[in-house]
Amino acid sequence: MSPKDNLNRREFIGTAATIAASFSIVPSSVIAGLGKVPPSDQITVANIGCGTQGLREMGGLLLNPNVRVVSVCDVNKYSEDYIDWSPYGIRNNIRKVLADDTWWENAKGIPGGRDVGKAYVENFYAKNSPGGTYNGCTSYEDYRELLVKENDVDVVKIMTPDHTHAPIAMAAMDQGIHVVTHKPISNRLIEGRKVIEKANSTGMITHLLAWSDKPEYRQIKAWMEEGLIGELKEIHNWSYRPVWQQWTKRPTETPAIPKDFNWELWLASVPDMPYHPHYTHNVFRGWYDFGGGSVADMGHYSLFPLFETLGITKSPVVAKAYGTTTREEVNHVYQWVDNKVAFPASCMIKWKFPEQNSLPPFDLFWYDGGMKPFAPEELEMEGKDTPEEGLLLVGTKGKILGGFRGENPILLPESRMSQRPSSEVIKSDHVDRNTDMWVDAIKENKQTPGSFTRATAITDTVNLGAVALRSGKRIEFDPSSLKITNIEEANTYLTRDYRTGWEI
């Protein structure tokens, strides 16, 4: 499908709501099963990635009357060997969406794959259609085939492992299709820049799902603008993740590739290597090849909206990182494992940011795997410690503490809050966050606050953190030339060696 053809359809969608306000030519009996929104007004979605997270979020797509899922894609046809945070969480969510307490009743594990995605979509629309049947969802093994054959897709939602986000997003935008993706945009810095450049040049609507509306951050910014913490010096952010298993070296076993699982397509741009289940499903994120580590997994949620709110648009220029080391017994002697292939079980990363338009130079610190900053004196005086996960902003005159994503922010010491208006107390569990704003954005043909075009600083930050971990040295980065200027060999970590035919 040419970009021009798809744009014409989106222009039609954008005007359909206005036309519908005057008259309707679609009988309600026809559209009742699809949320009473005419199909011509719905955003058509191809869901690429039907693993645990893809299925977990699919219900939200199906229940949104402004969306119609028309295609699914996954390199795995069907299996029951997925890993998740609970044995029945996804199953129970699907049962609720379908109003069917028998779904997966004979499954021996946690199912996933494109057959599950297709069945989920068609069962939902069948139950909500006058005829009680529906077979309008196509299924593909290869996203490239989907993009060529499906000529009525407005947007792809990318729910695949990190290393495939960039090639899928680039290919979709080349076809004139909008893109919504889970974090990160890429797990290589230069790939991320190319995706963002493509978003800018094509004008397609893009949205990074880690963005969310943060009244907490607006309150933090207001306190900063009032001078309550002085000049910003440091930002600290910490998570207990990773919760997936981490490895320190590649597996040596070479098990058979599972039936109906396309390992070559799963590798995508990564050079050939033997299949192993330690790479796939919910544990891919710990490998440098396939994931971005905890900072890419969770740091986007906390830092991307914070960067947006505080106006942090210039990328870091220095990064340094430490990770936990591992020893193993070899011939009765414990030896240090030189881990070149996977993120450590816990780490600390420090970035130096240049002066921003409204902020002085500052340092950003990331901690994971149980690491966290020591309690500042304001907490120690009250016999308190830093929470298990949190966000701390340190200024020349004060500090602000919140949950990991800035939840329930307070000035330190907390006694200062008694002097503040009650309107400044944010109860985060009462905040209604619009997670589907990309749907309205596509209808209105405008970018969201979570657009790729606004994500350069956060994408550079998380990927530069991985470079610092891999190099084991302090690195100096030039955001203009996209070069590590002090350690030449570290530049290899900004990109990757590509399999032939998968170059970006």
Protein backbone atom coordinates (compact mmCIF):
# COMPACT_ATOMS: atom_id res chain seq x y z
CA MET A 1 0.00 0.00 0.00
CA SER A 2 1.37 3.38 -0.90
CA PRO A 3 1.62 6.11 1.76
CA LYS A 4 -0.67 8.23 -0.37
CA ASP A 5 -3.45 5.63 -0.34
CA ASN A 6 -3.27 5.21 3.42
CA LEU A 7 -3.21 8.95 3.98
CA ASN A 8 -6.39 9.34 1.97
CA ARG A 9 -8.11 6.82 4.17
CA ARG A 10 -6.97 8.60 7.32
CA GLU A 11 -8.21 11.91 5.93
CA PHE A 12 -11.55 10.21 5.43
CA ILE A 13 -11.54 8.97 9.02
CA GLY A 14 -10.70 12.46 10.23
CA THR A 15 -13.79 13.90 8.54
CA ALA A 16 -16.12 10.98 9.20
CA ALA A 17 -16.92 12.10 12.72
CA THR A 18 -18.08 15.49 11.44
CA ILE A 19 -20.22 13.88 8.76
CA ALA A 20 -21.69 11.42 11.27
CA ALA A 21 -22.77 14.33 13.45
CA SER A 22 -25.16 15.38 10.66
CA PHE A 23 -26.48 12.03 9.48
CA SER A 24 -25.73 8.32 9.52
CA ILE A 25 -25.88 5.94 6.61
CA VAL A 26 -24.89 2.86 8.64
CA PRO A 27 -27.78 0.99 10.32
CA SER A 28 -27.27 0.48 14.04
CA SER A 29 -27.83 -3.26 13.59
CA VAL A 30 -24.71 -3.41 11.46
CA ILE A 31 -22.46 -1.51 13.81
CA ALA A 32 -23.81 -2.70 17.18
CA GLY A 33 -21.24 -5.48 17.44
CA LEU A 34 -18.36 -3.07 17.01
CA GLY A 35 -19.17 -0.61 19.73
CA LYS A 36 -21.77 1.29 17.68
CA VAL A 37 -19.01 3.11 15.86
CA PRO A 38 -19.22 2.68 12.07
CA PRO A 39 -16.35 0.57 10.75
CA SER A 40 -15.40 3.44 8.45
CA ASP A 41 -14.73 5.56 11.54
CA GLN A 42 -12.65 3.00 13.38
CA ILE A 43 -8.87 2.93 13.53
CA THR A 44 -7.71 -0.38 12.07
CA VAL A 45 -4.88 -2.01 14.00
CA ALA A 46 -2.42 -4.76 13.21
CA ASN A 47 -1.12 -6.21 16.47
CA ILE A 48 2.44 -7.47 15.95
CA GLY A 49 3.51 -9.70 18.83
CA CYS A 50 1.12 -12.12 20.56
CA GLY A 51 3.18 -13.11 23.58
CA THR A 52 2.32 -12.34 27.16
CA GLN A 53 2.34 -8.55 26.94
CA GLY A 54 0.70 -8.52 23.53
CA LEU A 55 -2.19 -10.63 24.81
CA ARG A 56 -2.36 -8.73 28.10
CA GLU A 57 -2.99 -5.47 26.27
CA MET A 58 -5.12 -6.83 23.45
CA GLY A 59 -8.25 -6.65 25.55
CA GLY A 60 -7.89 -2.89 25.74
CA LEU A 61 -7.85 -2.71 21.95
CA LEU A 62 -10.90 -4.94 21.60
CA LEU A 63 -12.91 -3.02 24.18
CA ASN A 64 -12.17 0.33 22.58
CA PRO A 65 -15.09 1.08 20.22
CA ASN A 66 -12.90 3.39 18.15
CA VAL A 67 -10.49 0.56 17.31
CA ARG A 68 -10.82 -2.56 15.18
CA VAL A 69 -8.10 -5.20 15.25
CA VAL A 70 -7.85 -6.54 11.71
CA SER A 71 -4.62 -8.53 11.79
CA VAL A 72 -2.20 -10.25 14.16
CA CYS A 73 1.37 -11.37 13.66
CA ASP A 74 3.83 -13.50 15.58
CA VAL A 75 6.76 -15.73 14.62
CA ASN A 76 5.29 -18.37 16.96
CA LYS A 77 2.13 -20.13 15.84
CA TYR A 78 1.09 -21.59 19.18
CA SER A 79 2.72 -22.97 22.30
CA GLU A 80 2.00 -23.20 26.01
CA ASP A 81 5.50 -22.48 27.30
CA TYR A 82 5.29 -18.73 27.94
CA ILE A 83 6.49 -17.18 31.19
CA ASP A 84 4.56 -14.53 33.09
CA TRP A 85 4.21 -12.86 36.48
CA SER A 86 1.28 -15.09 37.45
CA PRO A 87 -0.01 -18.44 36.14
CA TYR A 88 -3.55 -17.24 35.41
CA GLY A 89 -3.41 -13.46 35.11
CA ILE A 90 -3.60 -13.25 31.33
CA ARG A 91 -6.09 -16.11 31.12
CA ASN A 92 -8.41 -14.45 33.62
CA ASN A 93 -8.18 -11.13 31.81
CA ILE A 94 -9.12 -12.77 28.50
CA ARG A 95 -12.00 -14.59 30.17
CA LYS A 96 -13.30 -11.30 31.50
CA VAL A 97 -13.08 -9.57 28.12
CA LEU A 98 -14.77 -12.49 26.35
CA ALA A 99 -17.21 -13.19 29.20
CA ASP A 100 -16.15 -16.83 28.88
CA ASP A 101 -14.99 -18.70 31.99
CA THR A 102 -13.91 -21.72 29.93
CA TRP A 103 -11.14 -19.98 27.95
CA TRP A 104 -7.88 -21.99 28.15
CA GLU A 105 -9.45 -24.48 30.55
CA ASN A 106 -7.41 -27.34 29.02
CA ALA A 107 -4.14 -25.44 28.65
CA LYS A 108 -1.23 -27.06 30.46
CA GLY A 109 0.81 -23.85 30.66
CA ILE A 110 0.60 -20.23 29.57
CA PRO A 111 -0.37 -20.10 25.87
CA GLY A 112 0.75 -17.59 23.31
CA GLY A 113 1.33 -17.09 19.60
CA ARG A 114 -0.55 -15.79 16.60
CA ASP A 115 -3.22 -18.51 16.78
CA VAL A 116 -4.14 -17.32 20.27
CA GLY A 117 -4.22 -13.70 19.13
CA LYS A 118 -6.44 -14.47 16.15
CA ALA A 119 -8.80 -16.61 18.24
CA TYR A 120 -9.04 -13.89 20.89
CA VAL A 121 -9.92 -11.22 18.32
CA GLU A 122 -12.45 -13.28 16.41
CA ASN A 123 -14.14 -14.68 19.52
CA PHE A 124 -14.61 -11.15 20.87
CA TYR A 125 -16.06 -9.71 17.68
CA ALA A 126 -18.22 -12.80 17.13
CA LYS A 127 -19.77 -12.45 20.58
CA ASN A 128 -20.50 -8.81 19.85
CA SER A 129 -21.89 -9.13 16.35
CA PRO A 130 -25.54 -9.70 15.39
CA GLY A 131 -24.76 -12.90 13.51
CA GLY A 132 -22.62 -14.39 16.26
CA THR A 133 -19.74 -15.14 13.88
CA TYR A 134 -16.66 -13.25 12.77
CA ASN A 135 -13.67 -14.20 10.65
CA GLY A 136 -12.21 -10.81 9.76
CA CYS A 137 -8.81 -11.09 11.46
CA THR A 138 -5.88 -12.13 9.30
CA SER A 139 -2.80 -13.83 10.73
CA TYR A 140 0.86 -13.67 9.68
CA GLU A 141 4.17 -15.18 10.67
CA ASP A 142 6.25 -12.42 9.06
CA TYR A 143 5.42 -8.76 9.68
CA ARG A 144 6.92 -7.85 6.30
CA GLU A 145 4.27 -9.93 4.55
CA LEU A 146 1.56 -8.32 6.66
CA LEU A 147 2.70 -4.82 5.71
CA VAL A 148 2.65 -5.71 2.01
CA LYS A 149 -0.65 -7.59 1.90
CA GLU A 150 -2.85 -5.70 4.35
CA ASN A 151 -4.02 -2.59 2.53
CA ASP A 152 -6.46 -1.36 5.18
CA VAL A 153 -4.23 -0.98 8.26
CA ASP A 154 -3.99 2.45 9.87
CA VAL A 155 -1.56 1.62 12.66
CA VAL A 156 0.67 -1.20 13.84
CA LYS A 157 1.02 -1.87 17.53
CA ILE A 158 4.46 -3.39 18.16
CA MET A 159 4.54 -5.84 21.08
CA THR A 160 7.64 -7.83 20.14
CA PRO A 161 11.08 -8.19 21.81
CA ASP A 162 13.15 -5.00 22.01
CA HIS A 163 15.57 -5.79 19.18
CA THR A 164 12.75 -5.93 16.60
CA HIS A 165 11.03 -2.65 17.45
CA ALA A 166 13.19 -0.53 15.15
CA PRO A 167 12.95 -2.61 11.95
CA ILE A 168 9.18 -3.07 12.31
CA ALA A 169 8.60 0.63 12.99
CA MET A 170 10.76 1.70 10.05
CA ALA A 171 9.06 -0.73 7.66
CA ALA A 172 5.59 0.38 8.75
CA MET A 173 6.35 4.07 8.33
CA ASP A 174 7.77 3.34 4.88
CA GLN A 175 4.34 1.93 4.00
CA GLY A 176 2.55 5.04 5.28
CA ILE A 177 1.30 3.29 8.43
CA HIS A 178 1.26 4.89 11.87
CA VAL A 179 3.23 3.22 14.67
CA VAL A 180 2.56 2.55 18.34
CA THR A 181 5.23 0.61 20.19
CA HIS A 182 6.13 -0.61 23.60
CA LYS A 183 9.41 0.61 25.00
CA PRO A 184 12.10 0.96 23.84
CA ILE A 185 12.09 2.47 20.36
CA SER A 186 15.26 0.44 19.84
CA ASN A 187 17.98 -1.25 21.85
CA ARG A 188 20.77 0.45 19.92
CA LEU A 189 21.35 4.20 20.01
CA ILE A 190 21.94 4.74 16.31
CA GLU A 191 18.92 2.58 15.41
CA GLY A 192 16.81 4.75 17.69
CA ARG A 193 18.02 7.91 15.98
CA LYS A 194 17.15 6.44 12.58
CA VAL A 195 13.64 5.53 13.70
CA ILE A 196 13.11 9.04 15.07
CA GLU A 197 14.48 10.54 11.87
CA LYS A 198 12.05 8.39 9.89
CA ALA A 199 9.16 9.55 12.08
CA ASN A 200 10.12 13.17 11.44
CA SER A 201 10.59 12.76 7.69
CA THR A 202 7.42 10.75 7.03
CA GLY A 203 5.12 12.68 9.35
CA MET A 204 3.45 9.46 10.47
CA ILE A 205 1.76 9.52 13.89
CA THR A 206 3.95 7.66 16.37
CA HIS A 207 3.53 6.92 20.05
CA LEU A 208 5.80 5.34 22.65
CA LEU A 209 3.47 3.58 25.07
CA ALA A 210 5.67 4.29 28.11
CA TRP A 211 4.47 7.91 28.05
CA SER A 212 1.59 8.78 30.36
CA ASP A 213 0.01 11.91 31.72
CA LYS A 214 1.72 12.91 34.98
CA PRO A 215 0.04 15.56 37.16
CA GLU A 216 2.66 14.51 39.73
CA TYR A 217 5.42 15.81 37.45
CA ARG A 218 3.57 19.03 36.79
CA GLN A 219 3.42 19.56 40.55
CA ILE A 220 7.12 18.77 40.87
CA LYS A 221 7.86 21.30 38.14
CA ALA A 222 5.73 23.92 39.90
CA TRP A 223 7.68 23.41 43.14
CA MET A 224 10.93 23.76 41.21
CA GLU A 225 9.77 26.92 39.46
CA GLU A 226 8.82 28.34 42.85
CA GLY A 227 12.41 27.81 43.92
CA LEU A 228 11.57 25.33 46.69
CA ILE A 229 14.58 23.10 45.95
CA GLY A 230 16.85 25.70 44.38
CA GLU A 231 18.79 24.70 41.28
CA LEU A 232 18.45 21.08 40.18
CA LYS A 233 21.64 19.11 40.79
CA GLU A 234 20.66 15.43 40.66
CA ILE A 235 17.83 13.10 39.70
CA HIS A 236 17.82 9.60 41.24
CA ASN A 237 15.52 6.82 39.99
CA TRP A 238 15.53 3.22 41.18
CA SER A 239 13.66 -0.03 40.50
CA TYR A 240 13.77 -3.49 42.05
CA ARG A 241 13.84 -5.00 38.56
CA PRO A 242 15.01 -7.19 36.87
CA VAL A 243 12.46 -9.78 37.88
CA TRP A 244 13.35 -12.10 35.00
CA GLN A 245 16.23 -14.54 35.18
CA GLN A 246 19.62 -13.12 34.22
CA TRP A 247 22.45 -15.15 32.70
CA THR A 248 26.16 -14.39 32.66
CA LYS A 249 27.15 -16.33 29.55
CA ARG A 250 25.53 -17.91 26.53
CA PRO A 251 23.99 -21.35 26.89
CA THR A 252 26.04 -24.20 25.45
CA GLU A 253 23.14 -26.60 24.87
CA THR A 254 21.51 -26.59 21.43
CA PRO A 255 17.92 -27.79 21.88
CA ALA A 256 15.70 -28.29 18.87
CA ILE A 257 13.74 -25.30 17.60
CA PRO A 258 10.11 -25.75 18.69
CA LYS A 259 7.58 -26.74 16.08
CA ASP A 260 5.96 -23.77 14.34
CA PHE A 261 8.43 -21.29 15.88
CA ASN A 262 10.38 -19.35 13.23
CA TRP A 263 13.73 -18.78 14.90
CA GLU A 264 15.19 -16.98 11.88
CA LEU A 265 12.40 -14.41 11.93
CA TRP A 266 12.68 -14.08 15.70
CA LEU A 267 16.38 -13.20 15.37
CA ALA A 268 15.55 -10.57 12.74
CA SER A 269 18.57 -8.26 12.48
CA VAL A 270 20.68 -10.11 15.07
CA PRO A 271 23.45 -12.30 13.59
CA ASP A 272 22.83 -16.05 13.46
CA MET A 273 23.16 -18.02 16.68
CA PRO A 274 21.72 -21.35 17.87
CA TYR A 275 18.20 -21.32 19.27
CA HIS A 276 17.75 -21.54 23.02
CA PRO A 277 14.66 -20.86 25.15
CA HIS A 278 16.78 -18.67 27.45
CA TYR A 279 16.64 -16.04 24.71
CA THR A 280 12.93 -15.99 24.03
CA HIS A 281 9.56 -15.16 25.52
CA ASN A 282 9.74 -13.18 28.77
CA VAL A 283 13.50 -13.51 29.39
CA PHE A 284 14.89 -11.87 26.24
CA ARG A 285 15.28 -8.48 27.94
CA GLY A 286 18.39 -9.40 29.90
CA TRP A 287 20.56 -10.04 26.81
CA TYR A 288 22.47 -7.22 25.13
CA ASP A 289 21.49 -8.66 21.74
CA PHE A 290 17.76 -8.74 22.35
CA GLY A 291 16.88 -6.41 25.22
CA GLY A 292 17.67 -3.12 26.87
CA GLY A 293 17.89 -4.21 30.49
CA SER A 294 15.87 -2.84 33.39
CA VAL A 295 16.52 0.78 32.48
CA ALA A 296 14.88 0.29 29.09
CA ASP A 297 12.11 -1.83 30.58
CA MET A 298 11.16 0.52 33.42
CA GLY A 299 13.14 3.74 33.01
CA HIS A 300 10.98 4.84 30.09
CA TYR A 301 7.89 4.88 32.32
CA SER A 302 9.45 7.15 34.92
CA LEU A 303 11.90 9.23 32.91
CA PHE A 304 10.22 9.86 29.54
CA PRO A 305 7.30 11.81 31.04
CA LEU A 306 9.70 13.54 33.45
CA PHE A 307 11.94 14.63 30.58
CA GLU A 308 8.89 15.96 28.75
CA THR A 309 7.59 17.87 31.76
CA LEU A 310 10.91 19.42 32.79
CA GLY A 311 11.98 20.18 29.22
CA ILE A 312 14.92 17.78 29.10
CA THR A 313 15.52 17.59 25.35
CA LYS A 314 19.33 17.52 25.15
CA SER A 315 20.93 14.09 25.44
CA PRO A 316 23.55 13.16 28.05
CA VAL A 317 27.19 13.76 27.17
CA VAL A 318 28.86 11.46 29.73
CA ALA A 319 27.90 8.06 31.14
CA LYS A 320 29.49 5.70 33.64
CA ALA A 321 28.11 2.42 34.98
CA TYR A 322 28.85 -0.34 37.47
CA GLY A 323 27.28 -3.79 37.47
CA THR A 324 27.38 -6.73 39.83
CA THR A 325 30.09 -9.26 39.12
CA THR A 326 29.72 -13.03 39.13
CA ARG A 327 32.09 -15.84 40.02
CA GLU A 328 31.84 -19.49 39.14
CA GLU A 329 33.68 -22.61 40.24
CA VAL A 330 36.08 -24.11 37.68
CA ASN A 331 38.20 -27.08 38.80
CA HIS A 332 37.57 -26.22 42.46
CA VAL A 333 38.65 -22.62 41.98
CA TYR A 334 36.25 -19.66 41.92
CA GLN A 335 36.91 -17.44 38.92
CA TRP A 336 35.41 -14.14 37.87
CA VAL A 337 33.00 -14.38 34.94
CA ASP A 338 33.74 -11.74 32.31
CA ASN A 339 30.17 -11.11 31.21
CA LYS A 340 30.06 -9.68 27.69
CA VAL A 341 26.61 -10.87 26.67
CA ALA A 342 24.02 -9.87 29.27
CA PHE A 343 23.03 -7.07 31.59
CA PRO A 344 24.12 -7.58 35.22
CA ALA A 345 21.69 -8.67 37.91
CA SER A 346 21.96 -5.18 39.40
CA CYS A 347 23.66 -1.99 38.32
CA MET A 348 24.14 1.72 38.86
CA ILE A 349 24.38 4.15 35.95
CA LYS A 350 25.27 7.84 36.06
CA TRP A 351 24.73 10.26 33.19
CA LYS A 352 25.84 13.88 32.96
CA PHE A 353 23.40 16.15 31.13
CA PRO A 354 24.29 19.51 29.64
CA GLU A 355 22.41 22.69 30.38
CA GLN A 356 18.84 22.55 29.10
CA ASN A 357 16.68 25.47 28.02
CA SER A 358 15.32 25.90 31.56
CA LEU A 359 17.64 23.72 33.66
CA PRO A 360 21.29 23.89 34.66
CA PRO A 361 23.62 20.93 34.00
CA PHE A 362 22.64 17.99 36.22
CA ASP A 363 23.41 14.33 36.90
CA LEU A 364 20.95 11.47 36.50
CA PHE A 365 21.42 8.27 38.51
CA TRP A 366 19.76 4.91 37.82
CA TYR A 367 19.76 1.92 40.21
CA ASP A 368 18.20 -1.52 39.80
CA GLY A 369 18.27 -5.08 41.11
CA GLY A 370 18.01 -4.00 44.76
CA MET A 371 20.44 -1.08 44.49
CA LYS A 372 19.13 2.31 45.60
CA PRO A 373 20.46 5.59 47.01
CA PHE A 374 21.03 5.88 50.73
CA ALA A 375 18.35 7.80 52.58
CA PRO A 376 18.94 11.56 52.57
CA GLU A 377 19.31 13.19 55.96
CA GLU A 378 15.74 14.50 55.84
CA LEU A 379 14.49 10.88 55.89
CA GLU A 380 17.09 9.64 58.37
CA MET A 381 16.04 12.27 60.89
CA GLU A 382 12.54 10.79 60.80
CA GLY A 383 13.79 7.20 61.04
CA LYS A 384 12.80 6.46 57.45
CA ASP A 385 14.59 4.87 54.52
CA THR A 386 14.26 5.33 50.78
CA PRO A 387 11.38 3.22 49.43
CA GLU A 388 11.92 0.00 47.48
CA GLU A 389 11.40 1.96 44.28
CA GLY A 390 11.46 5.70 43.94
CA LEU A 391 12.32 9.02 42.36
CA LEU A 392 14.39 11.70 44.14
CA LEU A 393 15.20 15.17 42.85
CA VAL A 394 18.02 16.96 44.64
CA GLY A 395 18.49 20.71 44.42
CA THR A 396 20.77 23.23 46.04
CA LYS A 397 18.08 24.13 48.61
CA GLY A 398 15.89 21.03 48.98
CA LYS A 399 14.67 17.69 47.74
CA ILE A 400 11.51 16.10 46.30
CA LEU A 401 10.71 12.42 46.84
CA GLY A 402 8.13 10.28 45.08
CA GLY A 403 7.38 6.73 44.06
CA PHE A 404 9.18 5.15 41.13
CA ARG A 405 7.09 7.08 38.61
CA GLY A 406 6.86 10.11 40.87
CA GLU A 407 3.74 8.86 42.62
CA ASN A 408 2.53 10.91 45.60
CA PRO A 409 5.41 13.42 45.50
CA ILE A 410 6.42 15.26 48.67
CA LEU A 411 8.88 17.96 49.63
CA LEU A 412 11.57 16.87 52.11
CA PRO A 413 11.45 17.03 55.01
CA GLU A 414 7.82 15.94 54.81
CA SER A 415 6.90 18.53 57.45
CA ARG A 416 7.20 21.13 54.68
CA MET A 417 4.02 19.72 53.15
CA SER A 418 1.97 21.02 56.07
CA GLN A 419 2.81 24.52 54.88
CA ARG A 420 1.61 23.85 51.35
CA PRO A 421 -1.96 24.11 49.96
CA SER A 422 -3.94 20.87 50.06
CA SER A 423 -4.36 21.15 46.26
CA GLU A 424 -0.67 20.28 45.90
CA VAL A 425 -1.12 16.84 47.43
CA ILE A 426 -1.38 14.35 44.56
CA LYS A 427 -3.02 10.99 45.26
CA SER A 428 -1.70 8.99 42.35
CA ASP A 429 -4.11 6.09 42.74
CA HIS A 430 -6.93 8.52 41.95
CA VAL A 431 -5.37 9.85 38.74
CA ASP A 432 -7.14 8.86 35.53
CA ARG A 433 -4.48 8.44 32.85
CA ASN A 434 -5.42 8.31 29.17
CA THR A 435 -3.46 5.37 27.76
CA ASP A 436 -5.30 5.37 24.41
CA MET A 437 -4.61 8.95 23.38
CA TRP A 438 -2.91 7.67 20.25
CA VAL A 439 -6.30 6.63 18.89
CA ASP A 440 -7.63 10.20 18.98
CA ALA A 441 -4.30 11.49 17.69
CA ILE A 442 -4.51 9.31 14.60
CA LYS A 443 -8.09 10.39 13.96
CA GLU A 444 -7.08 14.03 14.30
CA ASN A 445 -3.77 13.53 12.47
CA LYS A 446 -1.66 15.08 15.22
CA GLN A 447 1.27 13.85 17.27
CA THR A 448 0.88 12.79 20.91
CA PRO A 449 3.11 13.97 23.78
CA GLY A 450 4.59 10.46 23.57
CA SER A 451 5.57 10.79 19.91
CA PHE A 452 8.85 9.33 18.71
CA THR A 453 9.68 12.85 17.55
CA ARG A 454 9.93 13.89 21.22
CA ALA A 455 11.88 10.84 22.40
CA THR A 456 15.47 11.53 21.34
CA ALA A 457 16.78 12.35 24.81
CA ILE A 458 15.19 9.35 26.56
CA THR A 459 16.16 6.93 23.77
CA ASP A 460 19.76 8.15 23.79
CA THR A 461 19.84 7.97 27.58
CA VAL A 462 18.78 4.33 28.03
CA ASN A 463 20.90 3.10 25.14
CA LEU A 464 23.94 5.07 26.29
CA GLY A 465 23.51 3.42 29.69
CA ALA A 466 23.90 0.03 28.02
CA VAL A 467 27.02 1.26 26.23
CA ALA A 468 28.52 2.34 29.55
CA LEU A 469 27.76 -1.04 31.10
CA ARG A 470 29.27 -2.93 28.18
CA SER A 471 32.40 -0.79 27.96
CA GLY A 472 33.02 -0.73 31.71
CA LYS A 473 34.51 2.74 31.41
CA ARG A 474 33.48 6.36 31.59
CA ILE A 475 32.30 7.31 28.13
CA GLU A 476 32.01 10.74 26.56
CA PHE A 477 29.30 11.10 23.94
CA ASP A 478 28.82 13.70 21.22
CA PRO A 479 25.06 13.77 20.45
CA SER A 480 25.65 15.65 17.19
CA SER A 481 28.11 13.27 15.57
CA LEU A 482 26.73 10.20 17.41
CA LYS A 483 30.22 9.22 18.48
CA ILE A 484 31.93 8.11 21.68
CA THR A 485 34.82 10.53 21.62
CA ASN A 486 37.14 9.13 24.29
CA ILE A 487 37.02 5.35 23.69
CA GLU A 488 36.95 4.37 20.04
CA GLU A 489 36.00 0.72 20.58
CA ALA A 490 32.90 1.75 22.55
CA ASN A 491 31.36 3.04 19.30
CA THR A 492 30.70 -0.57 18.28
CA TYR A 493 28.04 -0.69 21.01
CA LEU A 494 26.09 2.16 19.44
CA THR A 495 25.01 -0.15 16.63
CA ARG A 496 25.23 -3.86 15.81
CA ASP A 497 26.45 -6.26 13.16
CA TYR A 498 23.46 -7.02 10.97
CA ARG A 499 22.36 -10.23 9.35
CA THR A 500 22.34 -9.88 5.58
CA GLY A 501 19.05 -8.45 4.42
CA TRP A 502 18.17 -6.99 7.82
CA GLU A 503 20.33 -3.87 7.77
CA ILE A 504 18.89 -0.65 9.16
